[in-house]
């Protein structure tokens, strides 16, 4: 095996080099999720890991995948806001983002963060990369896939604690379980990227137009 081949194999493994790569990717998430997503793509290139193993499989139809992602992501957010989160007695308003109410100046930056950071970045790291790494470590049978879904959902939830507190952890964990289950069954990430972006864009719209309380009390009062 050539030096380059040994280096690539080391990155894909769980020896010192592979663990170092894992630590670098996840530490990037502390700074910004897009940084981690870029590190994942660099890791895939250097380790000679096909993007398909991260879920980047060309959809049969880009239009259908985009439409499905937008509709399902927006509907999922409304379901979470109107039904699921009230069952956890979550506050009707997301305190961390009240500065967005009627704030046009803040919208461009937030929309960029939602589409690039949340949609592409978080799905690349928490679904694509972690599923690939944990799959190599734990296996691919049903029990292993279930454990990976639960573990990545827990990590996804914890990643939201600093910015959004306990309600953020609850919502992100449930979202991670749903998105992770879909990824475990399909192995495809593009529709999830579109759905995640639509989920967060719907959240931004609800906050911007000051509709949070109305939506939160829409079903359960």
N, C-alpha and C. Protein backbone atom coordinates (compact mmCIF):
# COMPACT_ATOMS: atom_id res chain seq x y z
N UNK A 1 0.85 -1.19 0.00
CA UNK A 1 0.00 0.00 0.00
C UNK A 1 0.88 1.24 0.00
N UNK A 2 0.55 2.22 -0.82
CA UNK A 2 1.32 3.44 -0.90
C UNK A 2 1.17 4.27 0.37
N UNK A 3 2.03 5.27 0.52
CA UNK A 3 1.94 6.15 1.69
C UNK A 3 0.59 6.86 1.73
N UNK A 4 0.13 7.32 0.56
CA UNK A 4 -1.17 7.99 0.49
C UNK A 4 -2.29 7.06 0.86
N UNK A 5 -2.17 5.78 0.44
CA UNK A 5 -3.20 4.80 0.77
C UNK A 5 -3.24 4.51 2.25
N UNK A 6 -2.07 4.41 2.88
CA UNK A 6 -2.02 4.17 4.33
C UNK A 6 -2.59 5.35 5.10
N UNK A 7 -2.28 6.56 4.62
CA UNK A 7 -2.82 7.77 5.27
C UNK A 7 -4.34 7.80 5.18
N UNK A 8 -4.88 7.50 4.00
CA UNK A 8 -6.34 7.48 3.80
C UNK A 8 -6.99 6.42 4.68
N UNK A 9 -6.36 5.24 4.74
CA UNK A 9 -6.90 4.16 5.57
C UNK A 9 -6.88 4.55 7.04
N UNK A 10 -5.83 5.25 7.45
CA UNK A 10 -5.74 5.70 8.84
C UNK A 10 -6.84 6.67 9.20
N UNK A 11 -7.18 7.55 8.28
CA UNK A 11 -8.27 8.50 8.52
C UNK A 11 -9.61 7.79 8.64
N UNK A 12 -9.78 6.71 7.88
CA UNK A 12 -11.04 5.97 7.92
C UNK A 12 -11.13 5.05 9.13
N UNK A 13 -10.00 4.76 9.75
CA UNK A 13 -10.00 3.83 10.87
C UNK A 13 -10.25 4.53 12.20
N UNK A 14 -9.97 3.80 13.28
CA UNK A 14 -10.19 4.34 14.61
C UNK A 14 -8.91 4.27 15.46
N UNK A 15 -7.79 4.30 14.75
CA UNK A 15 -6.51 4.44 15.43
C UNK A 15 -6.26 5.90 15.75
N UNK A 16 -5.03 6.26 16.12
CA UNK A 16 -4.72 7.66 16.48
C UNK A 16 -5.10 8.66 15.40
N UNK A 17 -4.82 8.34 14.14
CA UNK A 17 -5.10 9.28 13.05
C UNK A 17 -6.60 9.45 12.85
N UNK A 18 -7.34 8.33 12.89
CA UNK A 18 -8.79 8.41 12.71
C UNK A 18 -9.47 9.15 13.85
N UNK A 19 -9.01 8.90 15.08
CA UNK A 19 -9.59 9.58 16.24
C UNK A 19 -9.26 11.06 16.23
N UNK A 20 -8.06 11.41 15.76
CA UNK A 20 -7.69 12.82 15.64
C UNK A 20 -8.59 13.52 14.64
N UNK A 21 -8.87 12.87 13.51
CA UNK A 21 -9.76 13.45 12.51
C UNK A 21 -11.15 13.67 13.08
N UNK A 22 -11.65 12.67 13.83
CA UNK A 22 -12.96 12.78 14.46
C UNK A 22 -13.00 13.96 15.42
N UNK A 23 -11.97 14.11 16.24
CA UNK A 23 -11.91 15.21 17.20
C UNK A 23 -11.87 16.56 16.51
N UNK A 24 -11.13 16.66 15.41
CA UNK A 24 -11.04 17.93 14.69
C UNK A 24 -12.38 18.32 14.10
N UNK A 25 -13.08 17.37 13.51
CA UNK A 25 -14.39 17.65 12.91
C UNK A 25 -15.37 18.12 13.98
N UNK A 26 -15.44 17.40 15.09
CA UNK A 26 -16.42 17.74 16.12
C UNK A 26 -16.04 19.00 16.87
N UNK A 27 -14.75 19.30 17.00
CA UNK A 27 -14.35 20.54 17.66
C UNK A 27 -14.70 21.73 16.79
N UNK A 28 -14.71 21.53 15.46
CA UNK A 28 -15.11 22.62 14.57
C UNK A 28 -16.54 23.04 14.81
N UNK A 29 -17.38 22.09 15.25
CA UNK A 29 -18.78 22.40 15.50
C UNK A 29 -18.97 23.41 16.61
N UNK A 30 -17.99 23.46 17.55
CA UNK A 30 -18.06 24.42 18.64
C UNK A 30 -17.95 25.83 18.09
N UNK A 31 -17.14 26.00 17.07
CA UNK A 31 -16.97 27.32 16.48
C UNK A 31 -18.16 27.67 15.60
N UNK A 32 -18.48 26.80 14.67
CA UNK A 32 -19.61 27.02 13.77
C UNK A 32 -19.85 25.73 13.00
N UNK A 33 -21.10 25.38 12.87
CA UNK A 33 -21.44 24.13 12.18
C UNK A 33 -20.90 24.10 10.75
N UNK A 34 -21.00 25.19 9.98
CA UNK A 34 -20.45 25.12 8.62
C UNK A 34 -18.97 24.77 8.59
N UNK A 35 -18.21 25.17 9.62
CA UNK A 35 -16.80 24.82 9.69
C UNK A 35 -16.65 23.31 9.75
N UNK A 36 -17.47 22.66 10.59
CA UNK A 36 -17.42 21.21 10.71
C UNK A 36 -17.81 20.54 9.40
N UNK A 37 -18.81 21.09 8.73
CA UNK A 37 -19.25 20.51 7.46
C UNK A 37 -18.12 20.56 6.43
N UNK A 38 -17.40 21.67 6.38
CA UNK A 38 -16.26 21.79 5.47
C UNK A 38 -15.18 20.79 5.85
N UNK A 39 -14.94 20.63 7.15
CA UNK A 39 -13.95 19.66 7.61
C UNK A 39 -14.35 18.23 7.23
N UNK A 40 -15.65 17.95 7.28
CA UNK A 40 -16.13 16.63 6.87
C UNK A 40 -15.80 16.38 5.40
N UNK A 41 -16.04 17.37 4.57
CA UNK A 41 -15.78 17.20 3.14
C UNK A 41 -14.29 17.05 2.87
N UNK A 42 -13.46 17.78 3.64
CA UNK A 42 -12.02 17.64 3.50
C UNK A 42 -11.59 16.23 3.94
N UNK A 43 -12.18 15.77 5.06
CA UNK A 43 -11.88 14.42 5.54
C UNK A 43 -12.26 13.37 4.49
N UNK A 44 -13.42 13.54 3.87
CA UNK A 44 -13.87 12.59 2.85
C UNK A 44 -12.89 12.55 1.68
N UNK A 45 -12.39 13.71 1.29
CA UNK A 45 -11.42 13.78 0.20
C UNK A 45 -10.11 13.09 0.57
N UNK A 46 -9.59 13.42 1.75
CA UNK A 46 -8.29 12.89 2.16
C UNK A 46 -8.36 11.39 2.49
N UNK A 47 -9.51 10.95 3.02
CA UNK A 47 -9.65 9.54 3.39
C UNK A 47 -10.16 8.69 2.23
N UNK A 48 -10.42 9.34 1.09
CA UNK A 48 -10.93 8.67 -0.10
C UNK A 48 -12.27 7.97 0.19
N UNK A 49 -13.09 8.66 0.99
CA UNK A 49 -14.42 8.15 1.30
C UNK A 49 -15.42 8.71 0.29
N UNK A 50 -16.11 7.86 -0.45
CA UNK A 50 -17.09 8.36 -1.43
C UNK A 50 -18.17 9.20 -0.74
N UNK A 51 -18.57 10.28 -1.37
CA UNK A 51 -19.62 11.13 -0.79
C UNK A 51 -20.91 10.35 -0.61
N UNK A 52 -21.10 9.31 -1.40
CA UNK A 52 -22.32 8.51 -1.28
C UNK A 52 -22.41 7.85 0.09
N UNK A 53 -21.27 7.58 0.73
CA UNK A 53 -21.27 6.97 2.05
C UNK A 53 -21.70 7.98 3.13
N UNK A 54 -21.71 9.25 2.77
CA UNK A 54 -22.19 10.30 3.67
C UNK A 54 -23.64 10.67 3.34
N UNK A 55 -24.23 9.98 2.38
CA UNK A 55 -25.61 10.23 2.02
C UNK A 55 -25.80 11.13 0.82
N UNK A 56 -24.71 11.61 0.25
CA UNK A 56 -24.83 12.53 -0.89
C UNK A 56 -25.01 11.74 -2.18
N UNK A 57 -26.21 11.19 -2.30
CA UNK A 57 -26.59 10.42 -3.48
C UNK A 57 -27.52 11.28 -4.32
N UNK A 58 -27.27 11.35 -5.60
CA UNK A 58 -28.09 12.18 -6.48
C UNK A 58 -29.54 11.73 -6.44
N UNK A 59 -30.48 12.64 -6.13
CA UNK A 59 -31.90 12.25 -6.11
C UNK A 59 -32.37 11.84 -7.51
N UNK A 60 -33.40 11.02 -7.53
CA UNK A 60 -33.99 10.66 -8.82
C UNK A 60 -34.55 11.90 -9.50
N UNK A 61 -35.08 12.81 -8.69
CA UNK A 61 -35.60 14.08 -9.19
C UNK A 61 -35.27 15.17 -8.18
N UNK A 62 -34.49 16.15 -8.60
CA UNK A 62 -34.15 17.26 -7.71
C UNK A 62 -35.40 18.04 -7.32
N UNK A 63 -36.29 18.22 -8.28
CA UNK A 63 -37.51 18.99 -8.01
C UNK A 63 -38.38 18.28 -6.98
N UNK A 64 -38.56 16.97 -7.15
CA UNK A 64 -39.38 16.21 -6.21
C UNK A 64 -38.75 16.19 -4.83
N UNK A 65 -37.43 16.02 -4.78
CA UNK A 65 -36.72 16.00 -3.50
C UNK A 65 -36.84 17.33 -2.79
N UNK A 66 -36.68 18.42 -3.55
CA UNK A 66 -36.80 19.77 -2.97
C UNK A 66 -38.21 20.02 -2.47
N UNK A 67 -39.21 19.66 -3.27
CA UNK A 67 -40.61 19.89 -2.88
C UNK A 67 -40.97 19.08 -1.64
N UNK A 68 -40.56 17.81 -1.63
CA UNK A 68 -40.84 16.95 -0.48
C UNK A 68 -40.17 17.50 0.77
N UNK A 69 -38.93 17.95 0.63
CA UNK A 69 -38.21 18.50 1.77
C UNK A 69 -38.86 19.75 2.33
N UNK A 70 -39.26 20.65 1.44
CA UNK A 70 -39.87 21.91 1.88
C UNK A 70 -41.20 21.66 2.58
N UNK A 71 -42.06 20.86 1.96
CA UNK A 71 -43.38 20.61 2.54
C UNK A 71 -43.28 19.86 3.86
N UNK A 72 -42.48 18.80 3.89
CA UNK A 72 -42.38 17.99 5.11
C UNK A 72 -41.68 18.75 6.22
N UNK A 73 -40.65 19.52 5.88
CA UNK A 73 -39.93 20.29 6.90
C UNK A 73 -40.80 21.35 7.53
N UNK A 74 -41.57 22.09 6.71
CA UNK A 74 -42.46 23.13 7.24
C UNK A 74 -43.57 22.51 8.08
N UNK A 75 -44.15 21.42 7.59
CA UNK A 75 -45.23 20.75 8.34
C UNK A 75 -44.72 20.20 9.67
N UNK A 76 -43.51 19.65 9.65
CA UNK A 76 -42.91 19.10 10.87
C UNK A 76 -42.70 20.20 11.91
N UNK A 77 -42.24 21.36 11.47
CA UNK A 77 -42.04 22.47 12.41
C UNK A 77 -43.36 22.92 13.02
N UNK A 78 -44.39 23.04 12.23
CA UNK A 78 -45.70 23.44 12.74
C UNK A 78 -46.23 22.40 13.73
N UNK A 79 -46.02 21.11 13.43
CA UNK A 79 -46.43 20.05 14.35
C UNK A 79 -45.67 20.15 15.67
N UNK A 80 -44.37 20.38 15.59
CA UNK A 80 -43.57 20.52 16.80
C UNK A 80 -44.03 21.71 17.63
N UNK A 81 -44.29 22.83 16.96
CA UNK A 81 -44.64 24.06 17.68
C UNK A 81 -46.04 23.99 18.26
N UNK A 82 -46.97 23.42 17.53
CA UNK A 82 -48.38 23.44 17.95
C UNK A 82 -48.78 22.26 18.83
N UNK A 83 -48.06 21.14 18.72
CA UNK A 83 -48.49 19.94 19.44
C UNK A 83 -47.41 19.37 20.36
N UNK A 84 -46.24 19.07 19.79
CA UNK A 84 -45.22 18.34 20.55
C UNK A 84 -44.63 19.17 21.68
N UNK A 85 -44.13 20.37 21.38
CA UNK A 85 -43.48 21.17 22.41
C UNK A 85 -44.43 21.61 23.52
N UNK A 86 -45.70 21.92 23.23
CA UNK A 86 -46.63 22.20 24.33
C UNK A 86 -46.80 21.03 25.29
N UNK A 87 -46.67 19.79 24.79
CA UNK A 87 -46.76 18.62 25.66
C UNK A 87 -45.59 18.57 26.65
N UNK A 88 -44.49 19.22 26.31
CA UNK A 88 -43.34 19.31 27.21
C UNK A 88 -43.40 20.58 28.07
N UNK A 89 -44.52 21.30 27.98
CA UNK A 89 -44.69 22.57 28.70
C UNK A 89 -43.60 23.58 28.34
N UNK A 90 -43.19 23.55 27.09
CA UNK A 90 -42.17 24.49 26.63
C UNK A 90 -42.78 25.89 26.52
N UNK A 91 -42.00 26.93 26.79
CA UNK A 91 -42.49 28.30 26.61
C UNK A 91 -42.96 28.50 25.17
N UNK A 92 -44.05 29.23 24.95
CA UNK A 92 -44.53 29.43 23.58
C UNK A 92 -43.58 30.24 22.72
N UNK A 93 -42.74 31.04 23.35
CA UNK A 93 -41.78 31.87 22.61
C UNK A 93 -40.36 31.37 22.83
N UNK A 94 -39.59 31.37 21.77
CA UNK A 94 -38.18 31.01 21.84
C UNK A 94 -37.40 32.25 22.24
N UNK A 95 -37.04 32.32 23.52
CA UNK A 95 -36.42 33.53 24.07
C UNK A 95 -35.13 33.91 23.35
N UNK A 96 -34.39 32.94 22.86
CA UNK A 96 -33.10 33.21 22.24
C UNK A 96 -33.21 34.00 20.94
N UNK A 97 -34.40 33.97 20.33
CA UNK A 97 -34.52 34.60 19.00
C UNK A 97 -35.59 35.69 18.93
N UNK A 98 -35.94 36.25 20.06
CA UNK A 98 -36.95 37.31 20.05
C UNK A 98 -36.46 38.57 19.35
N UNK A 99 -35.16 38.71 19.23
CA UNK A 99 -34.63 39.88 18.51
C UNK A 99 -35.03 39.87 17.03
N UNK A 100 -35.50 38.72 16.53
CA UNK A 100 -35.89 38.62 15.13
C UNK A 100 -37.28 39.19 14.86
N UNK A 101 -38.09 39.39 15.89
CA UNK A 101 -39.47 39.85 15.69
C UNK A 101 -39.47 41.19 14.96
N UNK A 102 -40.00 41.19 13.74
CA UNK A 102 -40.10 42.41 12.95
C UNK A 102 -38.77 43.04 12.56
N UNK A 103 -37.68 42.31 12.72
CA UNK A 103 -36.33 42.86 12.50
C UNK A 103 -35.82 42.49 11.11
N UNK A 104 -36.10 43.34 10.13
CA UNK A 104 -35.68 43.06 8.76
C UNK A 104 -34.16 43.00 8.62
N UNK A 105 -33.48 43.84 9.35
CA UNK A 105 -32.02 43.90 9.23
C UNK A 105 -31.36 42.58 9.62
N UNK A 106 -32.00 41.85 10.52
CA UNK A 106 -31.40 40.59 10.99
C UNK A 106 -31.72 39.41 10.08
N UNK A 107 -32.67 39.59 9.17
CA UNK A 107 -33.12 38.45 8.35
C UNK A 107 -32.05 37.88 7.42
N UNK A 108 -31.31 38.69 6.66
CA UNK A 108 -30.34 38.10 5.72
C UNK A 108 -29.34 37.17 6.40
N UNK A 109 -28.77 37.62 7.51
CA UNK A 109 -27.80 36.79 8.22
C UNK A 109 -28.43 35.53 8.77
N UNK A 110 -29.65 35.66 9.30
CA UNK A 110 -30.33 34.49 9.85
C UNK A 110 -30.70 33.49 8.76
N UNK A 111 -31.17 33.98 7.62
CA UNK A 111 -31.53 33.08 6.52
C UNK A 111 -30.31 32.33 6.01
N UNK A 112 -29.17 33.01 5.93
CA UNK A 112 -27.94 32.36 5.51
C UNK A 112 -27.53 31.28 6.51
N UNK A 113 -27.65 31.62 7.81
CA UNK A 113 -27.30 30.65 8.86
C UNK A 113 -28.21 29.44 8.81
N UNK A 114 -29.49 29.66 8.54
CA UNK A 114 -30.46 28.57 8.51
C UNK A 114 -30.21 27.64 7.34
N UNK A 115 -29.97 28.21 6.17
CA UNK A 115 -29.82 27.39 4.97
C UNK A 115 -28.47 26.70 4.92
N UNK A 116 -27.40 27.47 5.17
CA UNK A 116 -26.05 26.91 5.08
C UNK A 116 -25.66 26.19 6.36
N UNK A 117 -25.89 26.86 7.50
CA UNK A 117 -25.47 26.28 8.77
C UNK A 117 -26.33 25.12 9.21
N UNK A 118 -27.63 25.36 9.33
CA UNK A 118 -28.53 24.32 9.83
C UNK A 118 -28.82 23.27 8.77
N UNK A 119 -29.31 23.71 7.62
CA UNK A 119 -29.69 22.75 6.59
C UNK A 119 -28.53 21.91 6.12
N UNK A 120 -27.53 22.53 5.53
CA UNK A 120 -26.39 21.79 4.99
C UNK A 120 -25.42 21.35 6.08
N UNK A 121 -25.05 22.27 6.96
CA UNK A 121 -24.02 22.00 7.95
C UNK A 121 -24.40 20.92 8.94
N UNK A 122 -25.54 21.08 9.63
CA UNK A 122 -25.92 20.13 10.66
C UNK A 122 -26.23 18.75 10.08
N UNK A 123 -26.86 18.70 8.92
CA UNK A 123 -27.14 17.39 8.34
C UNK A 123 -25.87 16.68 7.90
N UNK A 124 -24.91 17.43 7.36
CA UNK A 124 -23.65 16.84 6.94
C UNK A 124 -22.90 16.24 8.13
N UNK A 125 -22.90 16.96 9.26
CA UNK A 125 -22.16 16.50 10.44
C UNK A 125 -22.92 15.42 11.19
N UNK A 126 -24.16 15.72 11.59
CA UNK A 126 -24.89 14.84 12.51
C UNK A 126 -25.52 13.63 11.83
N UNK A 127 -25.86 13.74 10.59
CA UNK A 127 -26.39 12.58 9.88
C UNK A 127 -25.29 11.96 9.01
N UNK A 128 -24.79 12.69 8.02
CA UNK A 128 -23.82 12.10 7.11
C UNK A 128 -22.56 11.58 7.77
N UNK A 129 -21.81 12.45 8.43
CA UNK A 129 -20.51 12.07 8.99
C UNK A 129 -20.63 11.11 10.17
N UNK A 130 -21.43 11.47 11.17
CA UNK A 130 -21.51 10.63 12.36
C UNK A 130 -22.13 9.26 12.07
N UNK A 131 -23.09 9.20 11.16
CA UNK A 131 -23.66 7.90 10.79
C UNK A 131 -22.60 7.04 10.10
N UNK A 132 -21.78 7.64 9.25
CA UNK A 132 -20.73 6.88 8.57
C UNK A 132 -19.71 6.37 9.57
N UNK A 133 -19.25 7.24 10.47
CA UNK A 133 -18.23 6.86 11.45
C UNK A 133 -18.76 5.82 12.43
N UNK A 134 -19.93 6.06 12.98
CA UNK A 134 -20.49 5.12 13.95
C UNK A 134 -20.91 3.81 13.28
N UNK A 135 -21.32 3.90 12.02
CA UNK A 135 -21.66 2.69 11.28
C UNK A 135 -20.44 1.79 11.10
N UNK A 136 -19.28 2.40 10.81
CA UNK A 136 -18.05 1.61 10.68
C UNK A 136 -17.66 1.00 12.02
N UNK A 137 -17.98 1.69 13.12
CA UNK A 137 -17.60 1.22 14.45
C UNK A 137 -18.56 0.18 15.00
N UNK A 138 -19.86 0.42 14.84
CA UNK A 138 -20.88 -0.42 15.48
C UNK A 138 -21.49 -1.47 14.55
N UNK A 139 -21.41 -1.23 13.25
CA UNK A 139 -22.01 -2.16 12.31
C UNK A 139 -23.24 -1.57 11.64
N UNK A 140 -23.89 -2.39 10.83
CA UNK A 140 -25.01 -1.89 10.02
C UNK A 140 -26.30 -2.66 10.23
N UNK A 141 -26.35 -3.54 11.24
CA UNK A 141 -27.60 -4.26 11.47
C UNK A 141 -28.63 -3.34 12.12
N UNK A 142 -29.85 -3.82 12.28
CA UNK A 142 -30.94 -2.98 12.78
C UNK A 142 -30.65 -2.44 14.17
N UNK A 143 -30.09 -3.25 15.04
CA UNK A 143 -29.78 -2.81 16.40
C UNK A 143 -28.74 -1.69 16.39
N UNK A 144 -27.71 -1.86 15.58
CA UNK A 144 -26.67 -0.84 15.48
C UNK A 144 -27.23 0.46 14.92
N UNK A 145 -28.04 0.36 13.88
CA UNK A 145 -28.62 1.57 13.29
C UNK A 145 -29.51 2.29 14.31
N UNK A 146 -30.28 1.52 15.09
CA UNK A 146 -31.11 2.13 16.11
C UNK A 146 -30.28 2.86 17.16
N UNK A 147 -29.17 2.23 17.58
CA UNK A 147 -28.29 2.86 18.56
C UNK A 147 -27.67 4.14 18.00
N UNK A 148 -27.32 4.11 16.72
CA UNK A 148 -26.73 5.29 16.08
C UNK A 148 -27.74 6.43 16.02
N UNK A 149 -28.98 6.11 15.69
CA UNK A 149 -30.04 7.13 15.66
C UNK A 149 -30.17 7.79 17.02
N UNK A 150 -30.23 6.98 18.07
CA UNK A 150 -30.41 7.52 19.43
C UNK A 150 -29.20 8.35 19.85
N UNK A 151 -28.00 7.83 19.60
CA UNK A 151 -26.78 8.52 20.02
C UNK A 151 -26.62 9.86 19.31
N UNK A 152 -26.82 9.86 17.98
CA UNK A 152 -26.65 11.12 17.23
C UNK A 152 -27.74 12.12 17.59
N UNK A 153 -28.95 11.64 17.89
CA UNK A 153 -30.02 12.54 18.31
C UNK A 153 -29.68 13.19 19.64
N UNK A 154 -29.10 12.41 20.56
CA UNK A 154 -28.70 12.96 21.86
C UNK A 154 -27.61 14.01 21.69
N UNK A 155 -26.63 13.74 20.83
CA UNK A 155 -25.57 14.72 20.57
C UNK A 155 -26.13 15.97 19.92
N UNK A 156 -27.07 15.78 19.00
CA UNK A 156 -27.70 16.91 18.31
C UNK A 156 -28.47 17.76 19.32
N UNK A 157 -29.17 17.11 20.25
CA UNK A 157 -29.89 17.85 21.27
C UNK A 157 -28.95 18.65 22.16
N UNK A 158 -27.89 18.02 22.63
CA UNK A 158 -26.93 18.69 23.51
C UNK A 158 -26.27 19.88 22.82
N UNK A 159 -26.08 19.78 21.52
CA UNK A 159 -25.46 20.88 20.78
C UNK A 159 -26.31 22.14 20.81
N UNK A 160 -27.60 22.01 21.15
CA UNK A 160 -28.50 23.16 21.16
C UNK A 160 -28.72 23.72 22.56
N UNK A 161 -28.06 23.14 23.56
CA UNK A 161 -28.31 23.58 24.93
C UNK A 161 -27.81 25.00 25.19
N UNK A 162 -26.60 25.29 24.75
CA UNK A 162 -26.00 26.59 25.03
C UNK A 162 -26.85 27.74 24.50
N UNK A 163 -27.35 27.59 23.29
CA UNK A 163 -28.10 28.69 22.68
C UNK A 163 -29.57 28.74 23.06
N UNK A 164 -30.19 27.58 23.34
CA UNK A 164 -31.64 27.57 23.52
C UNK A 164 -32.11 26.88 24.80
N UNK A 165 -31.20 26.41 25.63
CA UNK A 165 -31.59 25.80 26.90
C UNK A 165 -32.30 24.48 26.73
N UNK A 166 -33.03 24.08 27.78
CA UNK A 166 -33.70 22.78 27.80
C UNK A 166 -34.71 22.62 26.67
N UNK A 167 -35.58 23.63 26.40
CA UNK A 167 -36.53 23.46 25.28
C UNK A 167 -35.82 23.21 23.95
N UNK A 168 -34.67 23.86 23.76
CA UNK A 168 -33.91 23.63 22.54
C UNK A 168 -33.38 22.22 22.45
N UNK A 169 -32.95 21.68 23.59
CA UNK A 169 -32.47 20.30 23.64
C UNK A 169 -33.62 19.33 23.32
N UNK A 170 -34.78 19.59 23.91
CA UNK A 170 -35.93 18.71 23.67
C UNK A 170 -36.32 18.70 22.20
N UNK A 171 -36.45 19.87 21.62
CA UNK A 171 -36.86 19.96 20.22
C UNK A 171 -35.81 19.34 19.30
N UNK A 172 -34.54 19.66 19.54
CA UNK A 172 -33.48 19.14 18.67
C UNK A 172 -33.34 17.62 18.80
N UNK A 173 -33.54 17.09 20.00
CA UNK A 173 -33.44 15.64 20.18
C UNK A 173 -34.54 14.92 19.41
N UNK A 174 -35.76 15.43 19.49
CA UNK A 174 -36.87 14.83 18.75
C UNK A 174 -36.62 14.94 17.25
N UNK A 175 -36.17 16.12 16.82
CA UNK A 175 -35.86 16.32 15.41
C UNK A 175 -34.76 15.36 14.97
N UNK A 176 -33.75 15.18 15.82
CA UNK A 176 -32.68 14.26 15.50
C UNK A 176 -33.15 12.83 15.38
N UNK A 177 -34.09 12.45 16.24
CA UNK A 177 -34.65 11.09 16.16
C UNK A 177 -35.41 10.87 14.85
N UNK A 178 -36.20 11.88 14.46
CA UNK A 178 -36.98 11.77 13.23
C UNK A 178 -36.07 11.78 12.00
N UNK A 179 -35.21 12.79 11.91
CA UNK A 179 -34.32 12.89 10.75
C UNK A 179 -33.34 11.71 10.71
N UNK A 180 -32.85 11.32 11.89
CA UNK A 180 -31.92 10.20 11.94
C UNK A 180 -32.57 8.90 11.51
N UNK A 181 -33.82 8.68 11.90
CA UNK A 181 -34.53 7.46 11.50
C UNK A 181 -34.71 7.42 9.99
N UNK A 182 -35.05 8.57 9.42
CA UNK A 182 -35.21 8.63 7.96
C UNK A 182 -33.89 8.34 7.27
N UNK A 183 -32.82 8.93 7.79
CA UNK A 183 -31.50 8.71 7.17
C UNK A 183 -31.07 7.25 7.31
N UNK A 184 -31.35 6.66 8.47
CA UNK A 184 -30.99 5.26 8.68
C UNK A 184 -31.70 4.34 7.70
N UNK A 185 -32.92 4.70 7.33
CA UNK A 185 -33.70 3.86 6.41
C UNK A 185 -33.36 4.11 4.95
N UNK A 186 -33.03 5.36 4.61
CA UNK A 186 -32.83 5.70 3.20
C UNK A 186 -31.36 5.83 2.79
N UNK A 187 -30.51 6.25 3.72
CA UNK A 187 -29.11 6.50 3.38
C UNK A 187 -28.92 7.68 2.46
N UNK A 188 -29.93 8.53 2.35
CA UNK A 188 -29.88 9.70 1.46
C UNK A 188 -30.07 10.98 2.26
N UNK A 189 -29.30 12.01 1.93
CA UNK A 189 -29.27 13.19 2.78
C UNK A 189 -29.89 14.45 2.16
N UNK A 190 -30.01 14.51 0.84
CA UNK A 190 -30.44 15.77 0.22
C UNK A 190 -31.83 16.21 0.67
N UNK A 191 -32.79 15.29 0.69
CA UNK A 191 -34.14 15.68 1.11
C UNK A 191 -34.13 16.14 2.57
N UNK A 192 -33.30 15.52 3.40
CA UNK A 192 -33.18 15.95 4.79
C UNK A 192 -32.58 17.34 4.90
N UNK A 193 -31.62 17.65 4.05
CA UNK A 193 -31.05 19.00 4.03
C UNK A 193 -32.14 20.02 3.70
N UNK A 194 -32.94 19.73 2.68
CA UNK A 194 -34.02 20.64 2.30
C UNK A 194 -35.06 20.74 3.41
N UNK A 195 -35.40 19.60 4.03
CA UNK A 195 -36.40 19.59 5.10
C UNK A 195 -35.91 20.36 6.33
N UNK A 196 -34.63 20.18 6.66
CA UNK A 196 -34.07 20.88 7.82
C UNK A 196 -34.07 22.38 7.59
N UNK A 197 -33.69 22.80 6.39
CA UNK A 197 -33.71 24.23 6.08
C UNK A 197 -35.14 24.77 6.14
N UNK A 198 -36.10 24.02 5.60
CA UNK A 198 -37.50 24.45 5.63
C UNK A 198 -38.04 24.51 7.06
N UNK A 199 -37.64 23.55 7.88
CA UNK A 199 -38.02 23.52 9.30
C UNK A 199 -37.60 24.81 9.98
N UNK A 200 -36.34 25.18 9.79
CA UNK A 200 -35.82 26.38 10.46
C UNK A 200 -36.33 27.67 9.82
N UNK A 201 -36.53 27.65 8.50
CA UNK A 201 -37.10 28.83 7.84
C UNK A 201 -38.52 29.09 8.33
N UNK A 202 -39.28 28.03 8.56
CA UNK A 202 -40.63 28.17 9.11
C UNK A 202 -40.57 28.74 10.51
N UNK A 203 -39.59 28.28 11.29
CA UNK A 203 -39.42 28.82 12.64
C UNK A 203 -39.10 30.31 12.60
N UNK A 204 -38.22 30.70 11.69
CA UNK A 204 -37.85 32.11 11.56
C UNK A 204 -39.07 32.94 11.16
N UNK A 205 -39.87 32.42 10.22
CA UNK A 205 -41.07 33.15 9.77
C UNK A 205 -42.05 33.35 10.92
N UNK A 206 -42.26 32.31 11.71
CA UNK A 206 -43.19 32.39 12.84
C UNK A 206 -42.73 33.44 13.85
N UNK A 207 -41.42 33.45 14.10
CA UNK A 207 -40.88 34.43 15.05
C UNK A 207 -40.95 35.83 14.46
N UNK A 208 -40.52 35.99 13.22
CA UNK A 208 -40.46 37.31 12.59
C UNK A 208 -41.84 37.98 12.58
N UNK A 209 -42.87 37.22 12.26
CA UNK A 209 -44.22 37.79 12.22
C UNK A 209 -44.94 37.70 13.57
N UNK A 210 -44.20 37.36 14.61
CA UNK A 210 -44.71 37.34 15.99
C UNK A 210 -45.94 36.43 16.12
N UNK A 211 -45.84 35.23 15.56
CA UNK A 211 -46.94 34.28 15.58
C UNK A 211 -46.70 33.10 16.52
N UNK A 212 -45.61 33.14 17.26
CA UNK A 212 -45.25 31.98 18.08
C UNK A 212 -46.34 31.58 19.05
N UNK A 213 -46.85 32.53 19.81
CA UNK A 213 -47.87 32.21 20.82
C UNK A 213 -49.13 31.66 20.17
N UNK A 214 -49.53 32.24 19.06
CA UNK A 214 -50.74 31.79 18.37
C UNK A 214 -50.57 30.35 17.89
N UNK A 215 -49.44 30.04 17.29
CA UNK A 215 -49.21 28.68 16.79
C UNK A 215 -49.08 27.70 17.94
N UNK A 216 -48.40 28.10 19.02
CA UNK A 216 -48.19 27.22 20.16
C UNK A 216 -49.50 26.84 20.84
N UNK A 217 -50.51 27.74 20.77
CA UNK A 217 -51.81 27.47 21.41
C UNK A 217 -52.89 27.08 20.41
N UNK A 218 -52.47 26.82 19.18
CA UNK A 218 -53.43 26.56 18.11
C UNK A 218 -54.21 25.27 18.33
N UNK A 219 -53.56 24.22 18.83
CA UNK A 219 -54.19 22.91 18.95
C UNK A 219 -54.61 22.60 20.37
N UNK A 220 -53.69 22.75 21.30
CA UNK A 220 -53.96 22.36 22.69
C UNK A 220 -54.45 23.50 23.57
N UNK A 221 -54.49 24.69 23.00
CA UNK A 221 -55.01 25.83 23.76
C UNK A 221 -54.01 26.44 24.72
